[in-house]
PDB file of N, CA and C in Angstrom:
ATOM      1  N   UNK A   1      -0.511  22.253  14.759  1.00  0.00           N
ATOM      2  CA  UNK A   1      -0.360  20.983  15.477  1.00  0.00           C
ATOM      3  C   UNK A   1       1.055  20.908  16.049  1.00  0.00           C
ATOM      4  N   UNK A   2       1.139  20.377  17.217  1.00  0.00           N
ATOM      5  CA  UNK A   2       2.417  20.268  17.908  1.00  0.00           C
ATOM      6  C   UNK A   2       3.343  19.287  17.179  1.00  0.00           C
ATOM      7  N   UNK A   3       4.620  19.594  17.143  1.00  0.00           N
ATOM      8  CA  UNK A   3       5.604  18.765  16.441  1.00  0.00           C
ATOM      9  C   UNK A   3       5.630  17.334  16.960  1.00  0.00           C
ATOM     10  N   UNK A   4       5.522  17.158  18.262  1.00  0.00           N
ATOM     11  CA  UNK A   4       5.544  15.811  18.854  1.00  0.00           C
ATOM     12  C   UNK A   4       4.361  14.985  18.370  1.00  0.00           C
ATOM     13  N   UNK A   5       3.185  15.609  18.258  1.00  0.00           N
ATOM     14  CA  UNK A   5       2.005  14.894  17.772  1.00  0.00           C
ATOM     15  C   UNK A   5       2.185  14.478  16.313  1.00  0.00           C
ATOM     16  N   UNK A   6       2.731  15.371  15.521  1.00  0.00           N
ATOM     17  CA  UNK A   6       2.976  15.049  14.108  1.00  0.00           C
ATOM     18  C   UNK A   6       3.933  13.875  14.010  1.00  0.00           C
ATOM     19  N   UNK A   7       4.956  13.874  14.831  1.00  0.00           N
ATOM     20  CA  UNK A   7       5.932  12.785  14.818  1.00  0.00           C
ATOM     21  C   UNK A   7       5.283  11.458  15.232  1.00  0.00           C
ATOM     22  N   UNK A   8       4.426  11.490  16.231  1.00  0.00           N
ATOM     23  CA  UNK A   8       3.725  10.277  16.673  1.00  0.00           C
ATOM     24  C   UNK A   8       2.823   9.757  15.555  1.00  0.00           C
ATOM     25  N   UNK A   9       2.099  10.649  14.886  1.00  0.00           N
ATOM     26  CA  UNK A   9       1.254  10.224  13.761  1.00  0.00           C
ATOM     27  C   UNK A   9       2.109   9.622  12.643  1.00  0.00           C
ATOM     28  N   UNK A  10       3.268  10.238  12.399  1.00  0.00           N
ATOM     29  CA  UNK A  10       4.182   9.702  11.395  1.00  0.00           C
ATOM     30  C   UNK A  10       4.616   8.279  11.758  1.00  0.00           C
ATOM     31  N   UNK A  11       5.003   8.086  13.016  1.00  0.00           N
ATOM     32  CA  UNK A  11       5.445   6.758  13.443  1.00  0.00           C
ATOM     33  C   UNK A  11       4.330   5.723  13.321  1.00  0.00           C
ATOM     34  N   UNK A  12       3.125   6.101  13.668  1.00  0.00           N
ATOM     35  CA  UNK A  12       1.989   5.182  13.525  1.00  0.00           C
ATOM     36  C   UNK A  12       1.800   4.804  12.056  1.00  0.00           C
ATOM     37  N   UNK A  13       1.817   5.795  11.185  1.00  0.00           N
ATOM     38  CA  UNK A  13       1.602   5.535   9.754  1.00  0.00           C
ATOM     39  C   UNK A  13       2.735   4.716   9.128  1.00  0.00           C
ATOM     40  N   UNK A  14       3.977   5.037   9.449  1.00  0.00           N
ATOM     41  CA  UNK A  14       5.100   4.327   8.836  1.00  0.00           C
ATOM     42  C   UNK A  14       5.179   2.897   9.352  1.00  0.00           C
ATOM     43  N   UNK A  15       4.831   2.684  10.615  1.00  0.00           N
ATOM     44  CA  UNK A  15       4.820   1.323  11.144  1.00  0.00           C
ATOM     45  C   UNK A  15       3.674   0.512  10.560  1.00  0.00           C
ATOM     46  N   UNK A  16       2.540   1.130  10.364  1.00  0.00           N
ATOM     47  CA  UNK A  16       1.425   0.457   9.710  1.00  0.00           C
ATOM     48  C   UNK A  16       1.797   0.102   8.275  1.00  0.00           C
ATOM     49  N   UNK A  17       2.443   1.028   7.588  1.00  0.00           N
ATOM     50  CA  UNK A  17       2.878   0.771   6.212  1.00  0.00           C
ATOM     51  C   UNK A  17       3.877  -0.380   6.160  1.00  0.00           C
ATOM     52  N   UNK A  18       4.828  -0.405   7.073  1.00  0.00           N
ATOM     53  CA  UNK A  18       5.824  -1.486   7.100  1.00  0.00           C
ATOM     54  C   UNK A  18       5.155  -2.826   7.384  1.00  0.00           C
ATOM     55  N   UNK A  19       4.262  -2.857   8.351  1.00  0.00           N
ATOM     56  CA  UNK A  19       3.545  -4.081   8.694  1.00  0.00           C
ATOM     57  C   UNK A  19       2.754  -4.597   7.490  1.00  0.00           C
ATOM     58  N   UNK A  20       2.015  -3.705   6.852  1.00  0.00           N
ATOM     59  CA  UNK A  20       1.214  -4.098   5.687  1.00  0.00           C
ATOM     60  C   UNK A  20       2.087  -4.524   4.513  1.00  0.00           C
ATOM     61  N   UNK A  21       3.235  -3.889   4.356  1.00  0.00           N
ATOM     62  CA  UNK A  21       4.150  -4.266   3.269  1.00  0.00           C
ATOM     63  C   UNK A  21       4.665  -5.690   3.452  1.00  0.00           C
ATOM     64  N   UNK A  22       4.975  -6.071   4.683  1.00  0.00           N
ATOM     65  CA  UNK A  22       5.410  -7.442   4.945  1.00  0.00           C
ATOM     66  C   UNK A  22       4.272  -8.422   4.671  1.00  0.00           C
ATOM     67  N   UNK A  23       3.058  -8.060   5.079  1.00  0.00           N
ATOM     68  CA  UNK A  23       1.909  -8.919   4.814  1.00  0.00           C
ATOM     69  C   UNK A  23       1.621  -9.054   3.335  1.00  0.00           C
ATOM     70  N   UNK A  24       1.687  -7.951   2.618  1.00  0.00           N
ATOM     71  CA  UNK A  24       1.459  -7.971   1.173  1.00  0.00           C
ATOM     72  C   UNK A  24       2.515  -8.805   0.463  1.00  0.00           C
ATOM     73  N   UNK A  25       3.767  -8.631   0.859  1.00  0.00           N
ATOM     74  CA  UNK A  25       4.842  -9.380   0.216  1.00  0.00           C
ATOM     75  C   UNK A  25       4.692 -10.878   0.470  1.00  0.00           C
ATOM     76  N   UNK A  26       4.287 -11.236   1.671  1.00  0.00           N
ATOM     77  CA  UNK A  26       4.069 -12.656   1.984  1.00  0.00           C
ATOM     78  C   UNK A  26       2.943 -13.224   1.126  1.00  0.00           C
ATOM     79  N   UNK A  27       1.876 -12.467   1.001  1.00  0.00           N
ATOM     80  CA  UNK A  27       0.739 -12.907   0.184  1.00  0.00           C
ATOM     81  C   UNK A  27       1.150 -13.077  -1.277  1.00  0.00           C
ATOM     82  N   UNK A  28       1.904 -12.101  -1.783  1.00  0.00           N
ATOM     83  CA  UNK A  28       2.363 -12.170  -3.175  1.00  0.00           C
ATOM     84  C   UNK A  28       3.338 -13.322  -3.372  1.00  0.00           C
ATOM     85  N   UNK A  29       4.167 -13.606  -2.372  1.00  0.00           N
ATOM     86  CA  UNK A  29       5.131 -14.708  -2.464  1.00  0.00           C
ATOM     87  C   UNK A  29       4.396 -16.039  -2.600  1.00  0.00           C
ATOM     88  N   UNK A  30       3.319 -16.194  -1.854  1.00  0.00           N
ATOM     89  CA  UNK A  30       2.547 -17.439  -1.925  1.00  0.00           C
ATOM     90  C   UNK A  30       1.894 -17.631  -3.295  1.00  0.00           C
ATOM     91  N   UNK A  31       1.608 -16.518  -3.963  1.00  0.00           N
ATOM     92  CA  UNK A  31       0.914 -16.570  -5.252  1.00  0.00           C
ATOM     93  C   UNK A  31       1.853 -16.412  -6.446  1.00  0.00           C
ATOM     94  N   UNK A  32       3.151 -16.411  -6.180  1.00  0.00           N
ATOM     95  CA  UNK A  32       4.156 -16.201  -7.232  1.00  0.00           C
ATOM     96  C   UNK A  32       3.866 -14.959  -8.074  1.00  0.00           C
ATOM     97  N   UNK A  33       3.463 -13.892  -7.411  1.00  0.00           N
ATOM     98  CA  UNK A  33       3.159 -12.625  -8.078  1.00  0.00           C
ATOM     99  C   UNK A  33       4.324 -11.664  -7.864  1.00  0.00           C
ATOM    100  N   UNK A  34       4.159 -10.432  -8.335  1.00  0.00           N
ATOM    101  CA  UNK A  34       5.201  -9.429  -8.125  1.00  0.00           C
ATOM    102  C   UNK A  34       5.441  -9.285  -6.635  1.00  0.00           C
ATOM    103  N   UNK A  35       6.632  -8.871  -6.282  1.00  0.00           N
ATOM    104  CA  UNK A  35       7.024  -8.805  -4.875  1.00  0.00           C
ATOM    105  C   UNK A  35       7.427  -7.388  -4.493  1.00  0.00           C
ATOM    106  N   UNK A  36       7.343  -7.118  -3.222  1.00  0.00           N
ATOM    107  CA  UNK A  36       7.867  -5.866  -2.671  1.00  0.00           C
ATOM    108  C   UNK A  36       9.377  -6.039  -2.579  1.00  0.00           C
ATOM    109  N   UNK A  37      10.110  -5.059  -3.060  1.00  0.00           N
ATOM    110  CA  UNK A  37      11.573  -5.161  -3.028  1.00  0.00           C
ATOM    111  C   UNK A  37      12.069  -5.228  -1.588  1.00  0.00           C
ATOM    112  N   UNK A  38      13.116  -6.036  -1.387  1.00  0.00           N
ATOM    113  CA  UNK A  38      13.712  -6.138  -0.050  1.00  0.00           C
ATOM    114  C   UNK A  38      14.210  -4.780   0.422  1.00  0.00           C
ATOM    115  N   UNK A  39      14.731  -3.992  -0.488  1.00  0.00           N
ATOM    116  CA  UNK A  39      15.215  -2.657  -0.123  1.00  0.00           C
ATOM    117  C   UNK A  39      14.073  -1.786   0.404  1.00  0.00           C
ATOM    118  N   UNK A  40      12.887  -1.967  -0.132  1.00  0.00           N
ATOM    119  CA  UNK A  40      11.724  -1.216   0.341  1.00  0.00           C
ATOM    120  C   UNK A  40      11.353  -1.648   1.751  1.00  0.00           C
ATOM    121  N   UNK A  41      11.344  -2.961   1.996  1.00  0.00           N
ATOM    122  CA  UNK A  41      11.008  -3.469   3.322  1.00  0.00           C
ATOM    123  C   UNK A  41      12.005  -2.978   4.370  1.00  0.00           C
ATOM    124  N   UNK A  42      13.273  -3.048   4.049  1.00  0.00           N
ATOM    125  CA  UNK A  42      14.306  -2.569   4.986  1.00  0.00           C
ATOM    126  C   UNK A  42      14.248  -1.048   5.111  1.00  0.00           C
ATOM    127  N   UNK A  43      14.011  -0.378   4.004  1.00  0.00           N
ATOM    128  CA  UNK A  43      13.908   1.083   4.019  1.00  0.00           C
ATOM    129  C   UNK A  43      12.786   1.577   4.912  1.00  0.00           C
ATOM    130  N   UNK A  44      11.639   0.899   4.873  1.00  0.00           N
ATOM    131  CA  UNK A  44      10.529   1.273   5.747  1.00  0.00           C
ATOM    132  C   UNK A  44      10.927   1.139   7.216  1.00  0.00           C
ATOM    133  N   UNK A  45      11.695   0.104   7.527  1.00  0.00           N
ATOM    134  CA  UNK A  45      12.179  -0.071   8.904  1.00  0.00           C
ATOM    135  C   UNK A  45      13.130   1.061   9.285  1.00  0.00           C
ATOM    136  N   UNK A  46      14.027   1.399   8.389  1.00  0.00           N
ATOM    137  CA  UNK A  46      15.038   2.424   8.674  1.00  0.00           C
ATOM    138  C   UNK A  46      14.410   3.794   8.916  1.00  0.00           C
ATOM    139  N   UNK A  47      13.361   4.120   8.168  1.00  0.00           N
ATOM    140  CA  UNK A  47      12.771   5.461   8.309  1.00  0.00           C
ATOM    141  C   UNK A  47      11.732   5.531   9.434  1.00  0.00           C
ATOM    142  N   UNK A  48      11.752   4.542  10.314  1.00  0.00           N
ATOM    143  CA  UNK A  48      10.914   4.610  11.506  1.00  0.00           C
ATOM    144  C   UNK A  48       9.914   3.481  11.660  1.00  0.00           C
ATOM    145  N   UNK A  49       9.841   2.584  10.702  1.00  0.00           N
ATOM    146  CA  UNK A  49       8.861   1.508  10.760  1.00  0.00           C
ATOM    147  C   UNK A  49       9.402   0.191  11.271  1.00  0.00           C
ATOM    148  N   UNK A  50      10.397   0.247  12.130  1.00  0.00           N
ATOM    149  CA  UNK A  50      11.034  -0.993  12.587  1.00  0.00           C
ATOM    150  C   UNK A  50      10.105  -1.861  13.437  1.00  0.00           C
ATOM    151  N   UNK A  51       9.241  -1.250  14.216  1.00  0.00           N
ATOM    152  CA  UNK A  51       8.297  -2.030  15.026  1.00  0.00           C
ATOM    153  C   UNK A  51       7.317  -2.760  14.106  1.00  0.00           C
ATOM    154  N   UNK A  52       6.774  -2.053  13.132  1.00  0.00           N
ATOM    155  CA  UNK A  52       5.847  -2.666  12.181  1.00  0.00           C
ATOM    156  C   UNK A  52       6.516  -3.750  11.358  1.00  0.00           C
ATOM    157  N   UNK A  53       7.766  -3.522  10.955  1.00  0.00           N
ATOM    158  CA  UNK A  53       8.507  -4.519  10.184  1.00  0.00           C
ATOM    159  C   UNK A  53       8.757  -5.764  11.034  1.00  0.00           C
ATOM    160  N   UNK A  54       9.158  -5.559  12.276  1.00  0.00           N
ATOM    161  CA  UNK A  54       9.420  -6.685  13.174  1.00  0.00           C
ATOM    162  C   UNK A  54       8.140  -7.487  13.413  1.00  0.00           C
ATOM    163  N   UNK A  55       7.052  -6.796  13.699  1.00  0.00           N
ATOM    164  CA  UNK A  55       5.781  -7.489  13.915  1.00  0.00           C
ATOM    165  C   UNK A  55       5.311  -8.187  12.641  1.00  0.00           C
ATOM    166  N   UNK A  56       5.526  -7.553  11.493  1.00  0.00           N
ATOM    167  CA  UNK A  56       5.161  -8.180  10.224  1.00  0.00           C
ATOM    168  C   UNK A  56       5.934  -9.457   9.983  1.00  0.00           C
ATOM    169  N   UNK A  57       7.216  -9.437  10.308  1.00  0.00           N
ATOM    170  CA  UNK A  57       8.029 -10.651  10.172  1.00  0.00           C
ATOM    171  C   UNK A  57       7.492 -11.755  11.066  1.00  0.00           C
ATOM    172  N   UNK A  58       7.166 -11.418  12.306  1.00  0.00           N
ATOM    173  CA  UNK A  58       6.718 -12.418  13.271  1.00  0.00           C
ATOM    174  C   UNK A  58       5.311 -12.927  12.969  1.00  0.00           C
ATOM    175  N   UNK A  59       4.393 -12.034  12.706  1.00  0.00           N
ATOM    176  CA  UNK A  59       2.995 -12.425  12.506  1.00  0.00           C
ATOM    177  C   UNK A  59       2.793 -13.154  11.180  1.00  0.00           C
ATOM    178  N   UNK A  60       3.438 -12.652  10.113  1.00  0.00           N
ATOM    179  CA  UNK A  60       3.262 -13.272   8.798  1.00  0.00           C
ATOM    180  C   UNK A  60       4.294 -14.369   8.527  1.00  0.00           C
ATOM    181  N   UNK A  61       5.218 -14.584   9.473  1.00  0.00           N
ATOM    182  CA  UNK A  61       6.297 -15.575   9.296  1.00  0.00           C
ATOM    183  C   UNK A  61       6.982 -15.352   7.946  1.00  0.00           C
ATOM    184  N   UNK A  62       7.403 -14.099   7.749  1.00  0.00           N
ATOM    185  CA  UNK A  62       7.961 -13.714   6.455  1.00  0.00           C
ATOM    186  C   UNK A  62       9.385 -13.197   6.617  1.00  0.00           C
ATOM    187  N   UNK A  63      10.235 -13.620   5.715  1.00  0.00           N
ATOM    188  CA  UNK A  63      11.651 -13.223   5.686  1.00  0.00           C
ATOM    189  C   UNK A  63      12.392 -13.730   6.918  1.00  0.00           C
ATOM    190  N   UNK A  64      11.908 -14.799   7.525  1.00  0.00           N
ATOM    191  CA  UNK A  64      12.506 -15.306   8.754  1.00  0.00           C
ATOM    192  C   UNK A  64      13.722 -16.191   8.495  1.00  0.00           C
ATOM    193  N   UNK A  65      14.020 -16.476   7.246  1.00  0.00           N
ATOM    194  CA  UNK A  65      15.205 -17.270   6.913  1.00  0.00           C
ATOM    195  C   UNK A  65      16.318 -16.418   6.309  1.00  0.00           C
ATOM    196  N   UNK A  66      16.078 -15.130   6.202  1.00  0.00           N
ATOM    197  CA  UNK A  66      17.054 -14.212   5.602  1.00  0.00           C
ATOM    198  C   UNK A  66      17.776 -13.458   6.719  1.00  0.00           C
ATOM    199  N   UNK A  67      19.096 -13.653   6.818  1.00  0.00           N
ATOM    200  CA  UNK A  67      19.859 -13.015   7.903  1.00  0.00           C
ATOM    201  C   UNK A  67      19.761 -11.497   7.885  1.00  0.00           C
ATOM    202  N   UNK A  68      19.688 -10.909   6.694  1.00  0.00           N
ATOM    203  CA  UNK A  68      19.616  -9.448   6.667  1.00  0.00           C
ATOM    204  C   UNK A  68      18.321  -8.949   7.296  1.00  0.00           C
ATOM    205  N   UNK A  69      17.321  -9.815   7.375  1.00  0.00           N
ATOM    206  CA  UNK A  69      16.073  -9.453   8.043  1.00  0.00           C
ATOM    207  C   UNK A  69      16.058  -9.919   9.494  1.00  0.00           C
ATOM    208  N   UNK A  70      16.448 -11.166   9.753  1.00  0.00           N
ATOM    209  CA  UNK A  70      16.391 -11.692  11.116  1.00  0.00           C
ATOM    210  C   UNK A  70      17.379 -10.991  12.045  1.00  0.00           C
ATOM    211  N   UNK A  71      18.449 -10.476  11.486  1.00  0.00           N
ATOM    212  CA  UNK A  71      19.416  -9.730  12.294  1.00  0.00           C
ATOM    213  C   UNK A  71      19.250  -8.227  12.086  1.00  0.00           C
ATOM    214  N   UNK A  72      18.966  -7.834  10.861  1.00  0.00           N
ATOM    215  CA  UNK A  72      18.907  -6.413  10.518  1.00  0.00           C
ATOM    216  C   UNK A  72      17.737  -5.671  11.126  1.00  0.00           C
ATOM    217  N   UNK A  73      16.531  -6.234  11.010  1.00  0.00           N
ATOM    218  CA  UNK A  73      15.353  -5.544  11.534  1.00  0.00           C
ATOM    219  C   UNK A  73      15.431  -5.379  13.059  1.00  0.00           C
ATOM    220  N   UNK A  74      15.753  -6.438  13.815  1.00  0.00           N
ATOM    221  CA  UNK A  74      15.903  -6.219  15.268  1.00  0.00           C
ATOM    222  C   UNK A  74      17.008  -5.217  15.611  1.00  0.00           C
ATOM    223  N   UNK A  75      18.103  -5.232  14.853  1.00  0.00           N
ATOM    224  CA  UNK A  75      19.182  -4.271  15.091  1.00  0.00           C
ATOM    225  C   UNK A  75      18.698  -2.843  14.840  1.00  0.00           C
ATOM    226  N   UNK A  76      17.977  -2.644  13.757  1.00  0.00           N
ATOM    227  CA  UNK A  76      17.420  -1.313  13.458  1.00  0.00           C
ATOM    228  C   UNK A  76      16.490  -0.884  14.587  1.00  0.00           C
ATOM    229  N   UNK A  77      15.666  -1.810  15.062  1.00  0.00           N
ATOM    230  CA  UNK A  77      14.730  -1.519  16.155  1.00  0.00           C
ATOM    231  C   UNK A  77      15.478  -1.106  17.419  1.00  0.00           C
ATOM    232  N   UNK A  78      16.502  -1.840  17.786  1.00  0.00           N
ATOM    233  CA  UNK A  78      17.277  -1.516  18.993  1.00  0.00           C
ATOM    234  C   UNK A  78      17.955  -0.157  18.840  1.00  0.00           C
ATOM    235  N   UNK A  79      18.540   0.095  17.691  1.00  0.00           N
ATOM    236  CA  UNK A  79      19.202   1.394  17.458  1.00  0.00           C
ATOM    237  C   UNK A  79      18.184   2.524  17.571  1.00  0.00           C
ATOM    238  N   UNK A  80      16.999   2.334  17.008  1.00  0.00           N
ATOM    239  CA  UNK A  80      15.981   3.382  17.072  1.00  0.00           C
ATOM    240  C   UNK A  80      15.485   3.600  18.501  1.00  0.00           C
ATOM    241  N   UNK A  81      15.358   2.526  19.267  1.00  0.00           N
ATOM    242  CA  UNK A  81      14.950   2.668  20.674  1.00  0.00           C
ATOM    243  C   UNK A  81      16.023   3.420  21.456  1.00  0.00           C
ATOM    244  N   UNK A  82      17.287   3.035  21.265  1.00  0.00           N
ATOM    245  CA  UNK A  82      18.382   3.724  21.965  1.00  0.00           C
ATOM    246  C   UNK A  82      18.488   5.180  21.544  1.00  0.00           C
ATOM    247  N   UNK A  83      18.328   5.447  20.268  1.00  0.00           N
ATOM    248  CA  UNK A  83      18.374   6.823  19.775  1.00  0.00           C
ATOM    249  C   UNK A  83      17.230   7.646  20.358  1.00  0.00           C
ATOM    250  N   UNK A  84      16.049   7.058  20.421  1.00  0.00           N
ATOM    251  CA  UNK A  84      14.896   7.753  21.009  1.00  0.00           C
ATOM    252  C   UNK A  84      15.131   8.064  22.479  1.00  0.00           C
ATOM    253  N   UNK A  85      15.675   7.089  23.214  1.00  0.00           N
ATOM    254  CA  UNK A  85      15.965   7.303  24.635  1.00  0.00           C
ATOM    255  C   UNK A  85      17.005   8.404  24.815  1.00  0.00           C
ATOM    256  N   UNK A  86      18.026   8.388  23.970  1.00  0.00           N
ATOM    257  CA  UNK A  86      19.077   9.412  24.047  1.00  0.00           C
ATOM    258  C   UNK A  86      18.504  10.802  23.767  1.00  0.00           C
ATOM    259  N   UNK A  87      17.684  10.896  22.740  1.00  0.00           N
ATOM    260  CA  UNK A  87      17.081  12.191  22.397  1.00  0.00           C
ATOM    261  C   UNK A  87      16.180  12.674  23.528  1.00  0.00           C
ATOM    262  N   UNK A  88      15.401  11.762  24.091  1.00  0.00           N
ATOM    263  CA  UNK A  88      14.516  12.128  25.194  1.00  0.00           C
ATOM    264  C   UNK A  88      15.325  12.630  26.399  1.00  0.00           C
ATOM    265  N   UNK A  89      16.434  11.957  26.695  1.00  0.00           N
ATOM    266  CA  UNK A  89      17.276  12.390  27.814  1.00  0.00           C
ATOM    267  C   UNK A  89      17.894  13.752  27.551  1.00  0.00           C
ATOM    268  N   UNK A  90      18.261  14.019  26.323  1.00  0.00           N
ATOM    269  CA  UNK A  90      18.865  15.325  25.985  1.00  0.00           C
ATOM    270  C   UNK A  90      17.843  16.451  26.068  1.00  0.00           C
ATOM    271  N   UNK A  91      16.602  16.138  25.779  1.00  0.00           N
ATOM    272  CA  UNK A  91      15.561  17.164  25.818  1.00  0.00           C
ATOM    273  C   UNK A  91      15.187  17.503  27.265  1.00  0.00           C
ATOM    274  N   UNK A  92      15.218  16.520  28.154  1.00  0.00           N
ATOM    275  CA  UNK A  92      14.851  16.763  29.561  1.00  0.00           C
ATOM    276  C   UNK A  92      15.930  17.471  30.264  1.00  0.00           C
TER     277      UNK A  92
END
């Protein structure tokens, strides 16, 4: 399998995982159950799941009062977009 395809599949899976983690954490928060660690949520964004994390925050209205999320997740997303654009330009 081509490396680019593997990377795309990875991004789809990690973003889905980040999105679901935000949804799960929101559900658990409402039920006063165990929670997903904040470090895990941010970590998923850092390793490529920033789109899923951002959408999870918006759709589930979760972590929207925490500055490390409201500022951090969009910042991670912008950095990843810029890094992707830079890498793409270097390859062409």
